[in-house]
Amino acid sequence: MQYIDTYSSPLGGITMASDGESLTGLWFDGQKYFGATLTDSREEKHLSVFQQVKEWLDLYFQGKKPPFTPPLSPQGSPFRQRVWEILLQIPYGQTMTYGEIASRIAEKQGLESMSAQAVGGAVGHNPISIIIPCHRVVGSNGSLTGYAGGIDKKIALLTLEGVDQSRFFSPKRGSTL
C-alpha cells in the first residue's frame, strides 16, 4: 500500500508519496513524470513521515537549509540510485554538472568514462524532487536544462538557495529531459 499527502508551496502544489515509513515520491503537481512510481493501490493519509517532510519544506521555502533529511526510499535501478546518492551530496546553494556526476560514477566503478546523457536521464527521473536536489544540476556550458518541474521552478529554487546564476542561461528549447 502506498500513501499520499499534499503540500502547498510558494511554487505550487506538491504531492508526496510514502510506503508508510519513508518518503518514496515528491513531485510538483503536473511536472514531467508526475507520480511515476505511484501504484493504483494508494490512499490519502496523514503520516509522521509526511509531517517531517512538511517541516523540511517549510524551512526550505523560508530560505533556510533544513538541518535534517526525512527518511527517503526512492525506487529505481542501481544506476539511478547511484546518481541520486550523488545528488544528495550537492551542498545547499551549490551546483554540479551532469558531466561531474558522470565522472564521479565512472571513477567509483573503475570506468574510463560515463555518459552525461545517461546521468541526465537518471536526474530527470528523480522521484523525490527538491529533497534529492536535482534542481542543483546544470549543463557544463551553463545551461539550466533538465528540470522535470520546469525551468521556472529550477530558477526559483536556485534563487531561494542564493545560487549565483550569472553564468547560467535558460535553453531556447527543451526545458525537461
N, C-alpha and C. Protein backbone atom coordinates (compact mmCIF):
# COMPACT_ATOMS: atom_id res chain seq x y z
N MET A 1 0.85 -1.18 0.00
CA MET A 1 0.00 0.00 0.00
C MET A 1 0.89 1.24 0.00
N GLN A 2 0.51 2.19 -0.81
CA GLN A 2 1.18 3.49 -0.83
C GLN A 2 0.24 4.53 -0.25
N TYR A 3 0.84 5.57 0.30
CA TYR A 3 0.08 6.65 0.90
C TYR A 3 0.51 7.96 0.26
N ILE A 4 -0.42 8.88 0.15
CA ILE A 4 -0.12 10.18 -0.42
C ILE A 4 -0.64 11.29 0.48
N ASP A 5 -0.03 12.44 0.33
CA ASP A 5 -0.46 13.64 1.03
C ASP A 5 -0.03 14.81 0.15
N THR A 6 -0.49 16.00 0.48
CA THR A 6 -0.17 17.16 -0.34
C THR A 6 0.44 18.26 0.51
N TYR A 7 1.10 19.17 -0.19
CA TYR A 7 1.74 20.32 0.45
C TYR A 7 1.55 21.50 -0.49
N SER A 8 1.22 22.65 0.07
CA SER A 8 1.06 23.86 -0.73
C SER A 8 2.32 24.70 -0.59
N SER A 9 3.11 24.76 -1.66
CA SER A 9 4.36 25.52 -1.63
C SER A 9 4.19 26.86 -2.34
N PRO A 10 5.12 27.77 -2.15
CA PRO A 10 5.07 29.05 -2.87
C PRO A 10 5.19 28.87 -4.39
N LEU A 11 5.66 27.70 -4.84
CA LEU A 11 5.82 27.44 -6.27
C LEU A 11 4.70 26.56 -6.83
N GLY A 12 3.72 26.25 -6.00
CA GLY A 12 2.61 25.42 -6.45
C GLY A 12 2.43 24.17 -5.60
N GLY A 13 1.40 23.42 -5.91
CA GLY A 13 1.09 22.22 -5.16
C GLY A 13 2.15 21.14 -5.31
N ILE A 14 2.33 20.40 -4.24
CA ILE A 14 3.28 19.29 -4.21
C ILE A 14 2.54 18.06 -3.71
N THR A 15 2.77 16.94 -4.36
CA THR A 15 2.22 15.66 -3.91
C THR A 15 3.36 14.81 -3.39
N MET A 16 3.14 14.22 -2.22
CA MET A 16 4.12 13.36 -1.58
C MET A 16 3.60 11.93 -1.57
N ALA A 17 4.51 10.96 -1.63
CA ALA A 17 4.14 9.55 -1.55
C ALA A 17 5.02 8.86 -0.53
N SER A 18 4.47 7.83 0.12
CA SER A 18 5.21 7.08 1.13
C SER A 18 4.79 5.63 1.12
N ASP A 19 5.72 4.79 1.59
CA ASP A 19 5.42 3.37 1.80
C ASP A 19 4.88 3.14 3.22
N GLY A 20 4.71 4.21 3.97
CA GLY A 20 4.24 4.13 5.34
C GLY A 20 5.33 4.49 6.34
N GLU A 21 6.59 4.40 5.90
CA GLU A 21 7.71 4.73 6.78
C GLU A 21 8.64 5.77 6.19
N SER A 22 8.90 5.68 4.88
CA SER A 22 9.82 6.59 4.20
C SER A 22 9.13 7.33 3.07
N LEU A 23 9.73 8.43 2.68
CA LEU A 23 9.23 9.17 1.52
C LEU A 23 9.69 8.45 0.26
N THR A 24 8.76 8.16 -0.62
CA THR A 24 9.10 7.46 -1.88
C THR A 24 8.89 8.36 -3.09
N GLY A 25 8.20 9.48 -2.92
CA GLY A 25 7.96 10.38 -4.03
C GLY A 25 7.62 11.78 -3.55
N LEU A 26 8.03 12.78 -4.35
CA LEU A 26 7.68 14.16 -4.08
C LEU A 26 7.75 14.89 -5.42
N TRP A 27 6.59 15.34 -5.88
CA TRP A 27 6.52 15.96 -7.20
C TRP A 27 5.73 17.25 -7.13
N PHE A 28 6.16 18.23 -7.94
CA PHE A 28 5.30 19.38 -8.18
C PHE A 28 4.12 18.86 -8.99
N ASP A 29 2.93 19.29 -8.63
CA ASP A 29 1.75 18.84 -9.36
C ASP A 29 1.89 19.17 -10.84
N GLY A 30 1.70 18.18 -11.68
CA GLY A 30 1.75 18.36 -13.12
C GLY A 30 3.13 18.29 -13.75
N GLN A 31 4.18 18.07 -12.95
CA GLN A 31 5.52 18.01 -13.54
C GLN A 31 5.67 16.76 -14.39
N LYS A 32 6.69 16.77 -15.23
CA LYS A 32 7.00 15.61 -16.05
C LYS A 32 7.31 14.44 -15.11
N TYR A 33 6.84 13.27 -15.46
CA TYR A 33 6.98 12.04 -14.67
C TYR A 33 6.25 12.12 -13.33
N PHE A 34 5.25 13.00 -13.23
CA PHE A 34 4.47 13.13 -12.00
C PHE A 34 3.90 11.76 -11.61
N GLY A 35 4.17 11.37 -10.39
CA GLY A 35 3.60 10.12 -9.86
C GLY A 35 4.07 8.86 -10.55
N ALA A 36 5.21 8.91 -11.21
CA ALA A 36 5.67 7.76 -11.99
C ALA A 36 5.85 6.50 -11.15
N THR A 37 6.13 6.64 -9.87
CA THR A 37 6.33 5.46 -9.03
C THR A 37 5.10 5.11 -8.19
N LEU A 38 3.99 5.81 -8.43
CA LEU A 38 2.76 5.50 -7.69
C LEU A 38 2.06 4.29 -8.29
N THR A 39 1.47 3.50 -7.42
CA THR A 39 0.66 2.37 -7.86
C THR A 39 -0.81 2.74 -7.73
N ASP A 40 -1.67 1.89 -8.24
CA ASP A 40 -3.11 2.14 -8.12
C ASP A 40 -3.59 1.93 -6.68
N SER A 41 -2.84 1.17 -5.92
CA SER A 41 -3.21 0.88 -4.54
C SER A 41 -2.61 1.93 -3.62
N ARG A 42 -3.35 3.01 -3.42
CA ARG A 42 -2.86 4.09 -2.56
C ARG A 42 -4.04 4.80 -1.91
N GLU A 43 -3.74 5.45 -0.79
CA GLU A 43 -4.77 6.22 -0.12
C GLU A 43 -4.15 7.46 0.51
N GLU A 44 -4.97 8.48 0.65
CA GLU A 44 -4.52 9.71 1.28
C GLU A 44 -4.51 9.48 2.79
N LYS A 45 -3.38 9.80 3.41
CA LYS A 45 -3.26 9.55 4.85
C LYS A 45 -2.23 10.50 5.43
N HIS A 46 -2.47 10.94 6.65
CA HIS A 46 -1.51 11.80 7.36
C HIS A 46 -0.57 10.89 8.14
N LEU A 47 0.69 10.86 7.72
CA LEU A 47 1.70 10.02 8.36
C LEU A 47 2.78 10.88 8.99
N SER A 48 3.50 10.32 9.96
CA SER A 48 4.58 11.08 10.60
C SER A 48 5.66 11.46 9.58
N VAL A 49 5.93 10.60 8.60
CA VAL A 49 6.94 10.95 7.59
C VAL A 49 6.49 12.17 6.78
N PHE A 50 5.20 12.26 6.50
CA PHE A 50 4.70 13.43 5.78
C PHE A 50 4.84 14.69 6.63
N GLN A 51 4.63 14.56 7.94
CA GLN A 51 4.80 15.71 8.82
C GLN A 51 6.25 16.16 8.81
N GLN A 52 7.20 15.21 8.82
CA GLN A 52 8.62 15.55 8.75
C GLN A 52 8.95 16.26 7.43
N VAL A 53 8.39 15.75 6.34
CA VAL A 53 8.64 16.34 5.02
C VAL A 53 8.07 17.76 4.98
N LYS A 54 6.89 17.96 5.53
CA LYS A 54 6.29 19.29 5.56
C LYS A 54 7.14 20.25 6.38
N GLU A 55 7.68 19.79 7.50
CA GLU A 55 8.56 20.64 8.30
C GLU A 55 9.83 20.99 7.52
N TRP A 56 10.38 19.99 6.80
CA TRP A 56 11.57 20.22 5.98
C TRP A 56 11.25 21.26 4.91
N LEU A 57 10.12 21.09 4.22
CA LEU A 57 9.74 22.02 3.15
C LEU A 57 9.45 23.41 3.70
N ASP A 58 8.83 23.51 4.87
CA ASP A 58 8.57 24.81 5.48
C ASP A 58 9.89 25.57 5.68
N LEU A 59 10.88 24.89 6.25
CA LEU A 59 12.19 25.51 6.46
C LEU A 59 12.82 25.90 5.12
N TYR A 60 12.79 24.97 4.18
CA TYR A 60 13.41 25.19 2.89
C TYR A 60 12.81 26.41 2.19
N PHE A 61 11.49 26.50 2.15
CA PHE A 61 10.85 27.62 1.46
C PHE A 61 10.94 28.93 2.24
N GLN A 62 11.43 28.87 3.46
CA GLN A 62 11.76 30.10 4.20
C GLN A 62 13.19 30.54 3.89
N GLY A 63 13.85 29.81 2.99
CA GLY A 63 15.21 30.15 2.61
C GLY A 63 16.27 29.62 3.57
N LYS A 64 15.90 28.62 4.35
CA LYS A 64 16.82 28.03 5.32
C LYS A 64 17.23 26.63 4.85
N LYS A 65 18.44 26.24 5.22
CA LYS A 65 18.91 24.89 4.95
C LYS A 65 18.39 23.99 6.06
N PRO A 66 17.48 23.06 5.76
CA PRO A 66 16.96 22.19 6.82
C PRO A 66 18.09 21.36 7.45
N PRO A 67 18.10 21.27 8.79
CA PRO A 67 19.18 20.56 9.48
C PRO A 67 19.00 19.03 9.51
N PHE A 68 18.00 18.52 8.84
CA PHE A 68 17.75 17.09 8.84
C PHE A 68 17.22 16.68 7.47
N THR A 69 17.27 15.40 7.19
CA THR A 69 16.68 14.85 5.97
C THR A 69 15.66 13.80 6.40
N PRO A 70 14.43 13.92 5.94
CA PRO A 70 13.45 12.89 6.30
C PRO A 70 13.88 11.54 5.72
N PRO A 71 13.35 10.44 6.25
CA PRO A 71 13.70 9.13 5.69
C PRO A 71 13.25 9.03 4.23
N LEU A 72 14.20 8.65 3.36
CA LEU A 72 13.94 8.57 1.92
C LEU A 72 14.09 7.14 1.42
N SER A 73 13.25 6.77 0.47
CA SER A 73 13.35 5.45 -0.15
C SER A 73 12.91 5.54 -1.61
N PRO A 74 13.70 6.26 -2.43
CA PRO A 74 13.33 6.35 -3.85
C PRO A 74 13.53 5.00 -4.55
N GLN A 75 12.62 4.67 -5.43
CA GLN A 75 12.69 3.40 -6.15
C GLN A 75 13.26 3.63 -7.54
N GLY A 76 14.26 2.86 -7.90
CA GLY A 76 14.87 2.98 -9.22
C GLY A 76 15.98 1.95 -9.38
N SER A 77 16.52 1.90 -10.57
CA SER A 77 17.59 0.96 -10.89
C SER A 77 18.84 1.27 -10.05
N PRO A 78 19.77 0.33 -9.95
CA PRO A 78 21.01 0.61 -9.22
C PRO A 78 21.75 1.84 -9.77
N PHE A 79 21.74 2.01 -11.10
CA PHE A 79 22.41 3.19 -11.68
C PHE A 79 21.73 4.47 -11.21
N ARG A 80 20.41 4.51 -11.28
CA ARG A 80 19.69 5.71 -10.82
C ARG A 80 19.94 5.96 -9.34
N GLN A 81 19.98 4.90 -8.55
CA GLN A 81 20.25 5.05 -7.12
C GLN A 81 21.61 5.71 -6.89
N ARG A 82 22.62 5.30 -7.68
CA ARG A 82 23.96 5.90 -7.54
C ARG A 82 23.92 7.39 -7.88
N VAL A 83 23.21 7.73 -8.94
CA VAL A 83 23.09 9.14 -9.32
C VAL A 83 22.40 9.92 -8.21
N TRP A 84 21.30 9.40 -7.69
CA TRP A 84 20.55 10.12 -6.64
C TRP A 84 21.37 10.26 -5.37
N GLU A 85 22.23 9.28 -5.06
CA GLU A 85 23.12 9.40 -3.90
C GLU A 85 24.07 10.58 -4.08
N ILE A 86 24.56 10.77 -5.29
CA ILE A 86 25.45 11.91 -5.56
C ILE A 86 24.67 13.22 -5.45
N LEU A 87 23.44 13.24 -5.95
CA LEU A 87 22.63 14.46 -5.84
C LEU A 87 22.48 14.88 -4.39
N LEU A 88 22.30 13.91 -3.50
CA LEU A 88 22.15 14.22 -2.08
C LEU A 88 23.41 14.84 -1.48
N GLN A 89 24.54 14.68 -2.15
CA GLN A 89 25.81 15.22 -1.66
C GLN A 89 26.09 16.64 -2.18
N ILE A 90 25.26 17.14 -3.10
CA ILE A 90 25.47 18.51 -3.60
C ILE A 90 25.03 19.48 -2.51
N PRO A 91 25.94 20.29 -2.00
CA PRO A 91 25.58 21.18 -0.90
C PRO A 91 24.51 22.22 -1.29
N TYR A 92 23.72 22.57 -0.30
CA TYR A 92 22.73 23.64 -0.42
C TYR A 92 23.42 24.88 -0.97
N GLY A 93 22.83 25.50 -1.98
CA GLY A 93 23.38 26.72 -2.54
C GLY A 93 24.50 26.52 -3.54
N GLN A 94 24.76 25.27 -3.93
CA GLN A 94 25.80 24.99 -4.92
C GLN A 94 25.22 24.15 -6.06
N THR A 95 25.96 24.07 -7.14
CA THR A 95 25.52 23.28 -8.28
C THR A 95 26.63 22.31 -8.70
N MET A 96 26.24 21.37 -9.55
CA MET A 96 27.17 20.40 -10.11
C MET A 96 26.69 20.13 -11.54
N THR A 97 27.60 19.77 -12.43
CA THR A 97 27.20 19.48 -13.80
C THR A 97 26.91 18.00 -13.98
N TYR A 98 26.18 17.70 -15.04
CA TYR A 98 25.91 16.30 -15.40
C TYR A 98 27.23 15.57 -15.63
N GLY A 99 28.18 16.25 -16.26
CA GLY A 99 29.48 15.66 -16.53
C GLY A 99 30.26 15.35 -15.26
N GLU A 100 30.17 16.23 -14.27
CA GLU A 100 30.85 15.97 -13.00
C GLU A 100 30.27 14.74 -12.31
N ILE A 101 28.96 14.60 -12.37
CA ILE A 101 28.32 13.42 -11.79
C ILE A 101 28.76 12.17 -12.54
N ALA A 102 28.78 12.24 -13.86
CA ALA A 102 29.21 11.10 -14.68
C ALA A 102 30.64 10.71 -14.33
N SER A 103 31.51 11.68 -14.15
CA SER A 103 32.91 11.39 -13.79
C SER A 103 33.01 10.71 -12.44
N ARG A 104 32.22 11.16 -11.48
CA ARG A 104 32.23 10.53 -10.15
C ARG A 104 31.79 9.08 -10.22
N ILE A 105 30.74 8.82 -10.99
CA ILE A 105 30.25 7.44 -11.11
C ILE A 105 31.28 6.59 -11.83
N ALA A 106 31.85 7.10 -12.90
CA ALA A 106 32.86 6.35 -13.65
C ALA A 106 34.04 6.00 -12.74
N GLU A 107 34.48 6.97 -11.96
CA GLU A 107 35.60 6.74 -11.05
C GLU A 107 35.28 5.65 -10.03
N LYS A 108 34.09 5.72 -9.43
CA LYS A 108 33.68 4.72 -8.44
C LYS A 108 33.60 3.32 -9.05
N GLN A 109 33.23 3.24 -10.33
CA GLN A 109 33.08 1.95 -10.97
C GLN A 109 34.34 1.51 -11.71
N GLY A 110 35.38 2.32 -11.63
CA GLY A 110 36.62 1.96 -12.31
C GLY A 110 36.53 2.04 -13.82
N LEU A 111 35.65 2.91 -14.30
CA LEU A 111 35.48 3.09 -15.74
C LEU A 111 36.25 4.31 -16.21
N GLU A 112 36.60 4.30 -17.48
CA GLU A 112 37.30 5.45 -18.06
C GLU A 112 36.38 6.65 -18.19
N SER A 113 35.12 6.39 -18.54
CA SER A 113 34.15 7.48 -18.69
C SER A 113 32.74 6.95 -18.50
N MET A 114 31.81 7.88 -18.41
CA MET A 114 30.39 7.58 -18.24
C MET A 114 29.62 8.63 -19.02
N SER A 115 28.50 8.25 -19.58
CA SER A 115 27.69 9.16 -20.38
C SER A 115 26.97 10.19 -19.51
N ALA A 116 27.21 11.46 -19.79
CA ALA A 116 26.48 12.52 -19.10
C ALA A 116 25.00 12.47 -19.44
N GLN A 117 24.67 11.97 -20.65
CA GLN A 117 23.27 11.85 -21.05
C GLN A 117 22.56 10.79 -20.20
N ALA A 118 23.26 9.69 -19.91
CA ALA A 118 22.67 8.66 -19.04
C ALA A 118 22.41 9.23 -17.65
N VAL A 119 23.36 10.02 -17.17
CA VAL A 119 23.18 10.69 -15.88
C VAL A 119 21.97 11.62 -15.96
N GLY A 120 21.85 12.35 -17.07
CA GLY A 120 20.70 13.25 -17.25
C GLY A 120 19.38 12.53 -17.17
N GLY A 121 19.32 11.34 -17.73
CA GLY A 121 18.09 10.54 -17.65
C GLY A 121 17.75 10.17 -16.22
N ALA A 122 18.77 9.78 -15.46
CA ALA A 122 18.55 9.43 -14.06
C ALA A 122 18.14 10.65 -13.24
N VAL A 123 18.80 11.79 -13.49
CA VAL A 123 18.46 13.02 -12.78
C VAL A 123 17.00 13.40 -13.09
N GLY A 124 16.63 13.32 -14.37
CA GLY A 124 15.29 13.69 -14.79
C GLY A 124 14.20 12.81 -14.21
N HIS A 125 14.54 11.56 -13.88
CA HIS A 125 13.57 10.62 -13.31
C HIS A 125 13.64 10.54 -11.79
N ASN A 126 14.32 11.49 -11.17
CA ASN A 126 14.38 11.53 -9.71
C ASN A 126 12.95 11.64 -9.16
N PRO A 127 12.51 10.66 -8.35
CA PRO A 127 11.13 10.71 -7.85
C PRO A 127 10.93 11.58 -6.62
N ILE A 128 12.02 12.12 -6.05
CA ILE A 128 11.88 12.94 -4.84
C ILE A 128 12.49 14.31 -5.10
N SER A 129 11.74 15.14 -5.80
CA SER A 129 12.21 16.48 -6.13
C SER A 129 12.52 17.28 -4.87
N ILE A 130 13.33 18.28 -5.04
CA ILE A 130 13.74 19.25 -4.01
C ILE A 130 14.62 18.61 -2.94
N ILE A 131 14.14 17.61 -2.23
CA ILE A 131 14.93 17.00 -1.16
C ILE A 131 16.12 16.25 -1.74
N ILE A 132 15.91 15.49 -2.80
CA ILE A 132 17.03 14.97 -3.60
C ILE A 132 17.20 16.04 -4.67
N PRO A 133 18.18 16.92 -4.51
CA PRO A 133 18.21 18.20 -5.23
C PRO A 133 18.64 18.14 -6.70
N CYS A 134 17.79 17.59 -7.53
CA CYS A 134 18.09 17.54 -8.96
C CYS A 134 18.10 18.93 -9.58
N HIS A 135 17.49 19.90 -8.92
CA HIS A 135 17.50 21.28 -9.43
C HIS A 135 18.89 21.90 -9.37
N ARG A 136 19.80 21.29 -8.63
CA ARG A 136 21.16 21.82 -8.50
C ARG A 136 22.09 21.31 -9.60
N VAL A 137 21.55 20.55 -10.55
CA VAL A 137 22.38 20.02 -11.64
C VAL A 137 22.18 20.88 -12.88
N VAL A 138 23.30 21.30 -13.47
CA VAL A 138 23.29 22.19 -14.63
C VAL A 138 24.17 21.60 -15.74
N GLY A 139 23.99 22.10 -16.94
CA GLY A 139 24.83 21.69 -18.06
C GLY A 139 26.23 22.27 -17.92
N SER A 140 27.20 21.59 -18.50
CA SER A 140 28.59 22.05 -18.39
C SER A 140 28.80 23.40 -19.07
N ASN A 141 27.90 23.74 -20.00
CA ASN A 141 28.00 25.04 -20.68
C ASN A 141 27.22 26.14 -19.96
N GLY A 142 26.66 25.81 -18.79
CA GLY A 142 25.89 26.79 -18.03
C GLY A 142 24.39 26.75 -18.29
N SER A 143 23.95 25.79 -19.09
CA SER A 143 22.52 25.67 -19.39
C SER A 143 21.75 25.16 -18.17
N LEU A 144 20.60 25.75 -17.94
CA LEU A 144 19.73 25.33 -16.85
C LEU A 144 18.74 24.24 -17.29
N THR A 145 19.08 23.53 -18.31
CA THR A 145 18.21 22.48 -18.82
C THR A 145 18.05 21.34 -17.84
N GLY A 146 17.00 20.58 -18.00
CA GLY A 146 16.89 19.31 -17.32
C GLY A 146 16.09 19.24 -16.05
N TYR A 147 15.17 20.13 -15.78
CA TYR A 147 14.38 20.02 -14.57
C TYR A 147 12.95 19.62 -14.91
N ALA A 148 12.52 18.47 -14.42
CA ALA A 148 11.19 17.96 -14.74
C ALA A 148 10.07 18.88 -14.27
N GLY A 149 10.35 19.69 -13.24
CA GLY A 149 9.35 20.63 -12.75
C GLY A 149 9.23 21.88 -13.58
N GLY A 150 10.17 22.06 -14.52
CA GLY A 150 10.17 23.23 -15.38
C GLY A 150 11.28 24.20 -15.01
N ILE A 151 11.79 24.89 -16.01
CA ILE A 151 12.90 25.83 -15.81
C ILE A 151 12.54 26.93 -14.81
N ASP A 152 11.30 27.43 -14.85
CA ASP A 152 10.90 28.49 -13.93
C ASP A 152 11.05 28.06 -12.47
N LYS A 153 10.69 26.82 -12.17
CA LYS A 153 10.82 26.33 -10.80
C LYS A 153 12.29 26.09 -10.44
N LYS A 154 13.07 25.60 -11.40
CA LYS A 154 14.50 25.39 -11.16
C LYS A 154 15.17 26.72 -10.80
N ILE A 155 14.88 27.75 -11.57
CA ILE A 155 15.44 29.08 -11.30
C ILE A 155 15.00 29.59 -9.93
N ALA A 156 13.72 29.39 -9.61
CA ALA A 156 13.21 29.85 -8.31
C ALA A 156 13.88 29.11 -7.16
N LEU A 157 14.11 27.81 -7.29
CA LEU A 157 14.76 27.04 -6.23
C LEU A 157 16.22 27.46 -6.06
N LEU A 158 16.92 27.65 -7.18
CA LEU A 158 18.31 28.10 -7.10
C LEU A 158 18.40 29.51 -6.50
N THR A 159 17.46 30.37 -6.85
CA THR A 159 17.41 31.72 -6.29
C THR A 159 17.17 31.66 -4.79
N LEU A 160 16.24 30.82 -4.37
CA LEU A 160 15.92 30.64 -2.95
C LEU A 160 17.17 30.23 -2.16
N GLU A 161 18.01 29.40 -2.79
CA GLU A 161 19.24 28.92 -2.14
C GLU A 161 20.40 29.91 -2.25
N GLY A 162 20.18 31.03 -2.96
CA GLY A 162 21.21 32.05 -3.08
C GLY A 162 22.31 31.70 -4.08
N VAL A 163 22.00 30.84 -5.04
CA VAL A 163 22.99 30.46 -6.05
C VAL A 163 23.22 31.63 -7.01
N ASP A 164 24.48 31.97 -7.25
CA ASP A 164 24.83 32.98 -8.24
C ASP A 164 24.55 32.38 -9.63
N GLN A 165 23.57 32.93 -10.31
CA GLN A 165 23.16 32.37 -11.60
C GLN A 165 23.67 33.19 -12.79
N SER A 166 24.61 34.08 -12.54
CA SER A 166 25.08 34.95 -13.61
C SER A 166 25.75 34.19 -14.75
N ARG A 167 26.28 33.01 -14.48
CA ARG A 167 26.93 32.23 -15.53
C ARG A 167 25.98 31.23 -16.21
N PHE A 168 24.73 31.19 -15.77
CA PHE A 168 23.75 30.26 -16.32
C PHE A 168 22.85 30.92 -17.33
N PHE A 169 22.25 30.10 -18.19
CA PHE A 169 21.26 30.60 -19.14
C PHE A 169 20.16 29.56 -19.31
N SER A 170 18.99 30.04 -19.70
CA SER A 170 17.87 29.14 -19.98
C SER A 170 17.97 28.68 -21.42
N PRO A 171 17.77 27.40 -21.66
CA PRO A 171 17.85 26.90 -23.05
C PRO A 171 16.70 27.45 -23.88
N LYS A 172 16.94 27.55 -25.18
CA LYS A 172 15.92 28.07 -26.10
C LYS A 172 14.75 27.08 -26.22
N ARG A 173 15.07 25.79 -26.11
CA ARG A 173 14.02 24.77 -26.15
C ARG A 173 14.45 23.62 -25.26
N GLY A 174 13.50 22.74 -24.94
CA GLY A 174 13.82 21.57 -24.14
C GLY A 174 14.07 21.89 -22.68
N SER A 175 13.02 22.25 -21.94
CA SER A 175 13.19 22.61 -20.54
C SER A 175 13.24 21.39 -19.63
N THR A 176 12.93 20.21 -20.13
CA THR A 176 13.00 19.00 -19.31
C THR A 176 13.65 17.89 -20.11
N LEU A 177 14.08 16.88 -19.40
CA LEU A 177 14.69 15.71 -20.07
C LEU A 177 13.62 14.74 -20.46
